[in-house]
């Protein structure tokens, strides 16, 4: 007799877990042996340098300088295989051996292993940074892969940091990669960032931007900051060579409505790729002292017009509450500071902000709507998402009027409601249950007294009613 389906599934999952662990161990041993071969005689003493995965694996620039396996021998010379690996760097008069030496002795922390962090980490690893820290608390998801090119389909469901670290080690087994499988928070930021020469912000939310900037100010670290949304991106270097910190430019957080994320507004995959590559370039320039970093300047990228502008920023403000001359902001203050409350925005897009402007009597669950529809009760389902969202997926039959056009389309809506039949209910739907509440609030003010919204929107529909519905 065959075992129950649940038992078979658990057995398969256990076997897969065991096989993956064995594969990871084999991959690690293979990388170690390859590193020893590539590094020559010196590598047999220091090849283990590329294996660091613990939170204390990189003790700052001093520790990175003393390693043998990342290129330079103790006497300062490059072995033949490393000359060959970095030969195109060494041929550059403005970079050369000295630039490669400084890069190999530097330590850089990348916060975020997503769209920005993917090309950023890959290029830093390939170019030979001495110690590369990667921090992210998320797992790889299928909808990451169009832009987060460091990850592969095989890693879906696994840690982003593990995926990114494995990819970096595959590119360059001679560097040290340190894995931080958690989100940067005030309680751990200082301890982690203190170990690195440079911090790169590759995150996508407002509270984390303020937090990383404050952390770098307290530790006196340069911060390479990038952002990408939709078809635009921007980049600058904060708190370096007289450049301002993030609070100098934005002492007060912008309104929540102005702080969109990729999960809300979308992003063309290549746009964070462009900005992430430029972040890697700026980090290398800061680490090596080569060229002119984007200090006191901000690069603005418009993908649609293929235009790049560089605008001048004001310098560090002497009145800044955090980096100014009279600042009293301490490490203890930092660790107690609530950045989510300060910005009225969550750090994680998994906890998208929700509104609550309607009484319970004006709302129904998606299961209640399903029963209403199945029972054939006369009603009109109004979808208030933007038209291009409606084209992605919708519940049929439904009527689409974007929230931004709802007030001017009220006569047409009234006509459609009459066509649905005498006494028809008006049920309003959106993506997550926020815009639908705003729509019902407006409709009730305009005389549609029986309008109701579906709690949780299409996301709840896909979760609770139709698991095959394409949630996006």
Protein backbone atom coordinates (compact mmCIF):
# COMPACT_ATOMS: atom_id res chain seq x y z
CA UNK A 1 0.00 0.00 0.00
CA UNK A 2 1.37 3.43 -0.99
CA UNK A 3 2.13 5.86 1.86
CA UNK A 4 -0.25 8.83 2.27
CA UNK A 5 0.41 11.74 -0.10
CA UNK A 6 1.40 14.04 2.79
CA UNK A 7 3.92 11.50 4.08
CA UNK A 8 5.43 11.01 0.62
CA UNK A 9 5.77 14.76 0.17
CA UNK A 10 7.56 15.13 3.51
CA UNK A 11 9.92 12.26 2.62
CA UNK A 12 10.74 13.85 -0.74
CA UNK A 13 11.34 17.24 0.89
CA UNK A 14 13.68 15.66 3.46
CA UNK A 15 15.61 13.87 0.71
CA UNK A 16 15.88 17.09 -1.32
CA UNK A 17 17.14 18.97 1.72
CA UNK A 18 19.76 16.30 2.35
CA UNK A 19 20.91 16.26 -1.28
CA UNK A 20 21.12 20.06 -1.42
CA UNK A 21 23.26 20.09 1.71
CA UNK A 22 25.57 17.47 0.23
CA UNK A 23 25.79 19.48 -3.02
CA UNK A 24 26.67 22.65 -1.12
CA UNK A 25 29.41 20.85 0.76
CA UNK A 26 30.82 19.45 -2.48
CA UNK A 27 30.63 22.87 -4.16
CA UNK A 28 32.53 24.40 -1.26
CA UNK A 29 35.26 21.78 -1.44
CA UNK A 30 35.54 22.23 -5.22
CA UNK A 31 35.86 26.01 -4.86
CA UNK A 32 38.50 25.60 -2.19
CA UNK A 33 40.60 23.25 -4.31
CA UNK A 34 40.22 25.47 -7.38
CA UNK A 35 41.28 28.48 -5.33
CA UNK A 36 44.39 26.62 -4.13
CA UNK A 37 45.33 25.74 -7.70
CA UNK A 38 44.75 29.26 -9.00
CA UNK A 39 46.68 30.95 -6.20
CA UNK A 40 49.78 28.79 -6.64
CA UNK A 41 52.13 28.10 -3.72
CA UNK A 42 50.77 31.01 -1.69
CA UNK A 43 47.26 29.68 -2.01
CA UNK A 44 47.99 26.51 -0.05
CA UNK A 45 48.55 28.69 3.03
CA UNK A 46 45.67 31.13 2.54
CA UNK A 47 43.10 29.50 0.29
CA UNK A 48 40.56 29.25 3.07
CA UNK A 49 40.15 33.02 2.88
CA UNK A 50 37.39 32.68 0.32
CA UNK A 51 35.17 30.59 2.58
CA UNK A 52 34.01 33.10 5.19
CA UNK A 53 30.29 32.93 5.77
CA UNK A 54 29.91 33.92 9.42
CA UNK A 55 28.95 37.37 10.61
CA UNK A 56 32.42 37.81 12.10
CA UNK A 57 34.32 36.56 9.05
CA UNK A 58 35.54 40.02 8.03
CA UNK A 59 37.16 42.07 10.73
CA UNK A 60 37.47 45.27 8.71
CA UNK A 61 40.14 46.53 6.35
CA UNK A 62 42.98 45.42 8.57
CA UNK A 63 41.87 41.82 8.44
CA UNK A 64 41.38 42.02 4.71
CA UNK A 65 44.85 43.45 4.16
CA UNK A 66 46.50 40.51 5.88
CA UNK A 67 44.93 37.84 3.71
CA UNK A 68 46.98 35.95 1.13
CA UNK A 69 44.32 34.40 -1.10
CA UNK A 70 42.88 37.52 -2.75
CA UNK A 71 45.73 38.35 -5.10
CA UNK A 72 48.69 40.13 -3.50
CA UNK A 73 51.42 38.19 -1.75
CA UNK A 74 52.85 39.44 1.58
CA UNK A 75 55.73 41.11 -0.28
CA UNK A 76 53.24 43.18 -2.30
CA UNK A 77 53.71 41.35 -5.60
CA UNK A 78 51.00 39.85 -7.74
CA UNK A 79 51.31 36.15 -8.66
CA UNK A 80 51.18 35.32 -12.37
CA UNK A 81 47.60 34.02 -12.34
CA UNK A 82 46.35 37.21 -10.67
CA UNK A 83 48.23 39.37 -13.16
CA UNK A 84 46.42 37.46 -15.88
CA UNK A 85 43.02 37.70 -14.13
CA UNK A 86 43.21 41.48 -13.60
CA UNK A 87 45.41 42.31 -16.60
CA UNK A 88 42.84 44.69 -18.13
CA UNK A 89 42.80 46.64 -14.86
CA UNK A 90 46.57 46.68 -14.64
CA UNK A 91 46.89 48.06 -18.17
CA UNK A 92 44.97 51.21 -17.21
CA UNK A 93 47.45 54.03 -16.44
CA UNK A 94 44.99 55.64 -13.99
CA UNK A 95 44.32 52.37 -12.15
CA UNK A 96 47.20 49.92 -12.60
CA UNK A 97 48.84 47.83 -9.91
CA UNK A 98 48.29 50.40 -7.17
CA UNK A 99 44.56 50.62 -7.87
CA UNK A 100 44.25 46.84 -7.83
CA UNK A 101 46.24 46.67 -4.61
CA UNK A 102 43.95 49.18 -2.87
CA UNK A 103 40.85 47.38 -4.15
CA UNK A 104 42.13 44.01 -2.93
CA UNK A 105 42.76 45.52 0.51
CA UNK A 106 39.32 47.15 0.79
CA UNK A 107 36.17 45.84 2.44
CA UNK A 108 32.73 46.78 1.13
CA UNK A 109 29.31 46.02 2.63
CA UNK A 110 26.40 45.70 0.19
CA UNK A 111 23.04 46.10 1.91
CA UNK A 112 20.42 44.49 -0.32
CA UNK A 113 20.81 41.60 -2.76
CA UNK A 114 18.03 42.63 -5.12
CA UNK A 115 17.87 44.60 -8.37
CA UNK A 116 20.60 47.06 -7.39
CA UNK A 117 22.67 44.65 -5.34
CA UNK A 118 22.82 41.98 -8.05
CA UNK A 119 25.12 43.68 -10.60
CA UNK A 120 26.81 45.59 -7.80
CA UNK A 121 27.94 42.47 -5.92
CA UNK A 122 28.87 40.61 -9.10
CA UNK A 123 31.12 43.41 -10.35
CA UNK A 124 32.76 44.00 -6.97
CA UNK A 125 33.53 40.29 -6.77
CA UNK A 126 34.76 40.06 -10.34
CA UNK A 127 36.95 43.15 -9.97
CA UNK A 128 38.68 41.72 -6.90
CA UNK A 129 37.44 43.59 -3.83
CA UNK A 130 39.20 42.15 -0.80
CA UNK A 131 36.21 41.51 1.46
CA UNK A 132 32.61 41.62 0.24
CA UNK A 133 29.78 41.59 2.78
CA UNK A 134 26.25 40.91 1.52
CA UNK A 135 23.22 41.52 3.74
CA UNK A 136 19.57 40.71 2.98
CA UNK A 137 16.83 38.99 4.96
CA UNK A 138 14.62 37.95 2.03
CA UNK A 139 14.33 34.76 -0.01
CA UNK A 140 14.47 34.56 -3.81
CA UNK A 141 11.05 34.81 -5.48
CA UNK A 142 10.10 34.16 -9.09
CA UNK A 143 9.09 37.79 -9.64
CA UNK A 144 12.62 38.89 -8.66
CA UNK A 145 14.35 37.22 -11.58
CA UNK A 146 13.57 39.74 -14.33
CA UNK A 147 15.86 42.26 -12.65
CA UNK A 148 17.85 40.50 -9.91
CA UNK A 149 20.28 38.82 -12.26
CA UNK A 150 22.51 37.36 -9.56
CA UNK A 151 19.81 34.79 -8.74
CA UNK A 152 18.78 31.68 -10.69
CA UNK A 153 15.52 29.75 -10.89
CA UNK A 154 17.11 26.93 -8.89
CA UNK A 155 17.42 29.29 -5.90
CA UNK A 156 13.73 30.29 -5.75
CA UNK A 157 12.64 29.87 -2.14
CA UNK A 158 16.18 30.01 -0.81
CA UNK A 159 18.04 32.84 0.87
CA UNK A 160 19.01 35.74 -1.39
CA UNK A 161 22.29 36.11 0.46
CA UNK A 162 23.23 32.49 -0.08
CA UNK A 163 22.32 32.74 -3.77
CA UNK A 164 24.29 35.98 -4.21
CA UNK A 165 27.31 34.73 -2.25
CA UNK A 166 27.45 31.50 -4.26
CA UNK A 167 27.32 33.49 -7.50
CA UNK A 168 30.12 35.80 -6.35
CA UNK A 169 32.34 32.89 -5.31
CA UNK A 170 31.75 31.21 -8.67
CA UNK A 171 33.04 34.36 -10.38
CA UNK A 172 36.03 34.86 -8.09
CA UNK A 173 36.97 32.20 -5.56
CA UNK A 174 39.96 34.22 -4.31
CA UNK A 175 37.94 36.95 -2.57
CA UNK A 176 36.32 36.78 0.84
CA UNK A 177 32.52 36.80 0.84
CA UNK A 178 30.70 37.32 4.15
CA UNK A 179 27.02 36.37 4.40
CA UNK A 180 24.48 38.17 6.60
CA UNK A 181 21.17 36.34 6.40
CA UNK A 182 19.10 39.03 8.09
CA UNK A 183 17.76 42.52 7.56
CA UNK A 184 19.78 45.54 8.61
CA UNK A 185 18.22 47.06 11.73
CA UNK A 186 19.25 49.68 14.31
CA UNK A 187 20.12 46.88 16.73
CA UNK A 188 22.71 45.29 14.39
CA UNK A 189 23.71 47.98 11.87
CA UNK A 190 26.58 49.53 13.81
CA UNK A 191 28.15 46.19 14.67
CA UNK A 192 28.10 45.02 11.06
CA UNK A 193 28.98 48.26 9.24
CA UNK A 194 31.86 48.99 11.60
CA UNK A 195 33.81 46.11 10.02
CA UNK A 196 33.82 47.63 6.52
CA UNK A 197 35.51 50.55 4.78
CA UNK A 198 32.57 51.44 2.53
CA UNK A 199 28.82 50.84 2.74
CA UNK A 200 26.60 50.60 -0.35
CA UNK A 201 22.85 51.10 0.02
CA UNK A 202 21.09 48.81 -2.48
CA UNK A 203 17.73 48.81 -0.67
CA UNK A 204 14.41 50.19 -1.85
CA UNK A 205 12.64 51.73 1.13
CA UNK A 206 12.71 55.07 2.92
CA UNK A 207 13.26 54.03 6.57
CA UNK A 208 16.30 51.95 5.61
CA UNK A 209 17.79 54.88 3.67
CA UNK A 210 17.61 57.10 6.75
CA UNK A 211 18.96 54.32 8.96
CA UNK A 212 21.96 53.47 6.75
CA UNK A 213 22.83 57.15 6.35
CA UNK A 214 22.70 57.74 10.12
CA UNK A 215 24.80 54.63 10.70
CA UNK A 216 27.49 55.77 8.25
CA UNK A 217 27.57 59.24 9.82
CA UNK A 218 28.12 57.78 13.29
CA UNK A 219 30.88 55.47 12.00
CA UNK A 220 32.32 58.04 9.58
CA UNK A 221 31.93 55.70 6.59
CA UNK A 222 31.33 56.75 2.97
CA UNK A 223 27.91 55.69 1.67
CA UNK A 224 27.23 54.90 -2.00
CA UNK A 225 23.47 55.23 -2.44
CA UNK A 226 21.37 54.29 -5.45
CA UNK A 227 17.68 54.05 -6.27
CA UNK A 228 15.64 52.80 -9.23
CA UNK A 229 11.91 52.94 -9.85
CA UNK A 230 9.87 52.61 -13.00
CA UNK A 231 12.06 53.89 -15.82
CA UNK A 232 14.29 56.19 -13.76
CA UNK A 233 17.22 55.89 -11.39
CA UNK A 234 19.57 58.04 -9.32
CA UNK A 235 22.93 57.73 -7.62
CA UNK A 236 25.18 59.71 -5.27
CA UNK A 237 27.89 59.31 -2.62
CA UNK A 238 26.94 60.56 0.84
CA UNK A 239 29.18 61.60 3.73
CA UNK A 240 32.48 61.58 1.82
CA UNK A 241 34.83 64.43 0.94
CA UNK A 242 32.43 67.04 2.31
CA UNK A 243 29.32 65.65 0.66
CA UNK A 244 26.03 65.81 2.59
CA UNK A 245 24.37 62.96 4.42
CA UNK A 246 20.85 61.87 3.52
CA UNK A 247 19.34 63.99 6.31
CA UNK A 248 21.11 67.11 5.06
CA UNK A 249 19.01 66.84 1.91
CA UNK A 250 15.84 65.43 3.46
CA UNK A 251 15.59 66.47 7.14
CA UNK A 252 11.86 65.69 7.01
CA UNK A 253 10.58 62.50 5.33
CA UNK A 254 8.48 63.04 2.21
CA UNK A 255 4.77 62.11 2.30
CA UNK A 256 4.04 58.38 2.26
CA UNK A 257 2.16 58.74 -1.04
CA UNK A 258 5.35 60.00 -2.69
CA UNK A 259 7.39 56.96 -1.59
CA UNK A 260 6.59 54.29 -4.14
CA UNK A 261 8.31 50.90 -4.43
CA UNK A 262 8.91 48.50 -7.28
CA UNK A 263 6.18 46.27 -5.88
CA UNK A 264 3.74 49.19 -6.21
CA UNK A 265 4.81 51.02 -9.36
CA UNK A 266 6.93 48.46 -11.20
CA UNK A 267 10.41 48.75 -12.66
CA UNK A 268 11.96 47.84 -16.00
CA UNK A 269 14.50 45.13 -15.18
CA UNK A 270 17.51 46.76 -16.78
CA UNK A 271 17.09 50.10 -14.92
CA UNK A 272 18.30 48.89 -11.49
CA UNK A 273 20.98 47.00 -13.43
CA UNK A 274 22.33 50.27 -14.82
CA UNK A 275 22.27 51.99 -11.43
CA UNK A 276 23.77 48.96 -9.67
CA UNK A 277 26.68 48.90 -12.12
CA UNK A 278 27.27 52.60 -11.47
CA UNK A 279 27.17 51.97 -7.72
CA UNK A 280 29.91 49.37 -8.17
CA UNK A 281 31.93 51.92 -10.13
CA UNK A 282 31.53 54.59 -7.42
CA UNK A 283 32.45 52.11 -4.67
CA UNK A 284 35.61 51.14 -6.58
CA UNK A 285 36.51 54.81 -7.08
CA UNK A 286 36.08 55.53 -3.38
CA UNK A 287 38.05 52.42 -2.40
CA UNK A 288 40.99 53.14 -4.71
CA UNK A 289 41.04 56.92 -4.76
CA UNK A 290 40.87 56.80 -8.55
CA UNK A 291 38.78 59.39 -10.39
CA UNK A 292 36.17 61.78 -9.02
CA UNK A 293 33.38 60.11 -7.02
CA UNK A 294 29.85 61.51 -7.08
CA UNK A 295 30.36 63.52 -3.89
CA UNK A 296 28.11 66.57 -3.71
CA UNK A 297 26.58 65.56 -7.03
CA UNK A 298 23.67 63.33 -7.99
CA UNK A 299 23.39 61.35 -11.22
CA UNK A 300 19.86 61.13 -12.64
CA UNK A 301 19.09 58.46 -15.25
CA UNK A 302 16.05 58.55 -17.56
CA UNK A 303 15.77 55.23 -19.38
CA UNK A 304 13.03 56.32 -21.80
CA UNK A 305 14.99 59.24 -23.24
CA UNK A 306 18.42 57.64 -22.65
CA UNK A 307 19.48 60.82 -20.85
CA UNK A 308 21.87 61.11 -17.93
CA UNK A 309 22.11 64.34 -15.97
CA UNK A 310 24.42 65.18 -13.08
CA UNK A 311 23.12 67.86 -10.73
CA UNK A 312 25.03 69.62 -7.99
CA UNK A 313 23.97 69.10 -4.38
CA UNK A 314 24.55 71.46 -1.50
CA UNK A 315 27.37 70.48 0.80
CA UNK A 316 27.12 69.01 4.26
CA UNK A 317 24.86 71.22 6.38
CA UNK A 318 26.44 72.60 9.57
CA UNK A 319 22.93 72.61 11.06
CA UNK A 320 22.19 68.97 10.26
CA UNK A 321 20.86 67.21 13.35
CA UNK A 322 23.04 64.16 12.66
CA UNK A 323 26.22 65.17 10.82
CA UNK A 324 26.28 68.87 11.74
CA UNK A 325 28.84 70.54 13.97
CA UNK A 326 26.53 70.57 16.99
CA UNK A 327 24.98 67.15 16.53
CA UNK A 328 24.29 65.24 19.73
CA UNK A 329 22.97 62.10 18.03
CA UNK A 330 24.74 59.11 19.61
CA UNK A 331 25.04 55.39 18.91
CA UNK A 332 22.62 54.78 21.77
CA UNK A 333 20.11 57.19 20.19
CA UNK A 334 20.53 55.36 16.88
CA UNK A 335 19.79 51.95 18.36
CA UNK A 336 16.60 53.24 19.98
CA UNK A 337 15.37 55.24 16.97
CA UNK A 338 12.16 53.99 15.30
CA UNK A 339 12.74 54.61 11.60
CA UNK A 340 9.44 53.12 10.50
CA UNK A 341 7.48 55.49 12.74
CA UNK A 342 9.66 58.43 11.67
CA UNK A 343 8.95 57.83 7.98
CA UNK A 344 5.44 56.35 8.43
CA UNK A 345 6.60 53.59 6.10
CA UNK A 346 7.53 49.91 6.62
CA UNK A 347 10.99 48.56 5.89
CA UNK A 348 9.59 45.48 4.16
CA UNK A 349 7.28 45.49 1.16
CA UNK A 350 5.78 42.32 2.65
CA UNK A 351 4.09 44.64 5.15
CA UNK A 352 2.55 47.09 2.71
CA UNK A 353 0.75 49.94 4.48
CA UNK A 354 -3.02 49.54 4.57
CA UNK A 355 -5.72 52.14 5.03
CA UNK A 356 -8.80 51.76 7.20
CA UNK A 357 -11.31 54.46 6.34
CA UNK A 358 -14.58 52.49 6.11
CA UNK A 359 -16.88 51.03 8.77
CA UNK A 360 -17.20 47.23 8.82
CA UNK A 361 -20.71 47.54 7.38
CA UNK A 362 -19.23 48.99 4.19
CA UNK A 363 -16.88 46.04 3.59
CA UNK A 364 -17.22 42.39 2.60
CA UNK A 365 -14.70 39.56 2.36
CA UNK A 366 -13.77 37.96 -0.92
CA UNK A 367 -15.52 34.75 0.20
CA UNK A 368 -18.71 36.70 0.85
CA UNK A 369 -18.46 38.21 -2.62
CA UNK A 370 -17.90 34.74 -4.11
CA UNK A 371 -21.13 33.51 -2.49
CA UNK A 372 -22.99 36.61 -3.69
CA UNK A 373 -21.86 35.96 -7.26
CA UNK A 374 -22.51 32.21 -7.10
CA UNK A 375 -26.04 32.84 -5.78
CA UNK A 376 -26.73 35.06 -8.79
CA UNK A 377 -27.54 38.15 -6.75
CA UNK A 378 -27.73 41.22 -9.04
CA UNK A 379 -24.66 43.40 -8.65
CA UNK A 380 -21.98 45.38 -10.47
CA UNK A 381 -18.32 44.63 -9.74
CA UNK A 382 -16.31 47.82 -10.12
CA UNK A 383 -12.53 47.48 -10.49
CA UNK A 384 -10.81 50.79 -9.66
CA UNK A 385 -7.24 49.81 -10.60
CA UNK A 386 -5.42 51.69 -13.38
CA UNK A 387 -6.24 50.45 -16.88
CA UNK A 388 -2.85 48.79 -17.39
CA UNK A 389 -3.33 46.85 -14.14
CA UNK A 390 -6.77 45.73 -15.36
CA UNK A 391 -5.13 44.34 -18.50
CA UNK A 392 -2.81 42.14 -16.41
CA UNK A 393 -5.61 40.16 -14.76
CA UNK A 394 -9.21 40.71 -13.67
CA UNK A 395 -12.28 38.95 -12.31
CA UNK A 396 -14.91 38.50 -14.99
CA UNK A 397 -17.31 40.13 -15.36
CA UNK A 398 -16.14 43.43 -13.93
CA UNK A 399 -16.27 47.09 -14.95
CA UNK A 400 -13.03 49.10 -14.91
CA UNK A 401 -12.97 52.76 -13.91
CA UNK A 402 -9.60 53.88 -12.46
CA UNK A 403 -9.86 55.63 -9.10
CA UNK A 404 -8.30 58.78 -10.57
CA UNK A 405 -11.20 59.03 -13.06
CA UNK A 406 -14.02 57.82 -10.83
CA UNK A 407 -15.61 61.17 -9.97
CA UNK A 408 -15.89 62.29 -13.59
CA UNK A 409 -17.24 58.87 -14.63
CA UNK A 410 -20.03 58.74 -12.06
CA UNK A 411 -22.82 59.26 -14.67
CA UNK A 412 -21.51 56.32 -16.71
CA UNK A 413 -21.28 54.22 -13.55
CA UNK A 414 -24.86 55.07 -12.62
CA UNK A 415 -26.01 53.97 -16.08
CA UNK A 416 -24.10 50.68 -15.82
CA UNK A 417 -25.61 50.03 -12.38
CA UNK A 418 -29.12 50.50 -13.78
CA UNK A 419 -28.32 48.03 -16.58
CA UNK A 420 -27.30 45.47 -13.92
CA UNK A 421 -30.90 45.48 -12.65
CA UNK A 422 -33.14 47.02 -10.03
CA UNK A 423 -31.55 47.04 -6.56
CA UNK A 424 -28.17 45.81 -7.79
CA UNK A 425 -25.35 45.97 -5.27
CA UNK A 426 -22.22 47.96 -6.10
CA UNK A 427 -19.08 46.05 -5.07
CA UNK A 428 -15.68 47.74 -5.47
CA UNK A 429 -12.39 45.95 -5.98
CA UNK A 430 -8.71 46.91 -6.28
CA UNK A 431 -5.34 45.21 -5.95
CA UNK A 432 -4.87 45.20 -2.16
CA UNK A 433 -8.00 46.72 -0.67
CA UNK A 434 -6.76 50.29 -0.19
CA UNK A 435 -7.93 52.17 -3.28
CA UNK A 436 -11.26 50.36 -3.13
CA UNK A 437 -11.89 51.89 0.31
CA UNK A 438 -11.11 55.35 -1.01
CA UNK A 439 -13.45 54.70 -3.92
CA UNK A 440 -16.31 53.57 -1.66
CA UNK A 441 -15.77 56.60 0.55
CA UNK A 442 -16.15 58.85 -2.51
CA UNK A 443 -19.13 56.90 -3.87
CA UNK A 444 -21.03 57.09 -0.61
CA UNK A 445 -20.43 60.84 -0.45
CA UNK A 446 -21.88 61.09 -3.99
CA UNK A 447 -25.05 59.16 -3.18
CA UNK A 448 -24.11 55.53 -3.80
CA UNK A 449 -25.12 54.59 -0.27
CA UNK A 450 -24.90 50.82 -0.71
CA UNK A 451 -21.40 50.67 -2.23
CA UNK A 452 -19.07 48.19 -0.53
CA UNK A 453 -15.45 47.22 -1.02
CA UNK A 454 -13.80 43.78 -0.98
CA UNK A 455 -11.34 43.46 1.91
CA UNK A 456 -7.81 42.69 0.71
CA UNK A 457 -8.67 43.06 -2.97
CA UNK A 458 -7.32 40.73 -5.62
CA UNK A 459 -4.49 39.57 -3.36
CA UNK A 460 -7.05 38.19 -0.91
CA UNK A 461 -9.03 36.69 -3.82
CA UNK A 462 -5.96 34.79 -5.01
CA UNK A 463 -5.15 33.66 -1.47
CA UNK A 464 -8.61 32.72 -0.16
CA UNK A 465 -10.81 31.95 -3.18
CA UNK A 466 -8.88 31.14 -6.36
CA UNK A 467 -5.28 29.94 -5.83
CA UNK A 468 -4.79 29.90 -9.62
CA UNK A 469 -5.58 33.60 -9.98
CA UNK A 470 -2.45 35.41 -11.23
CA UNK A 471 -1.42 37.59 -8.30
CA UNK A 472 1.18 40.20 -9.23
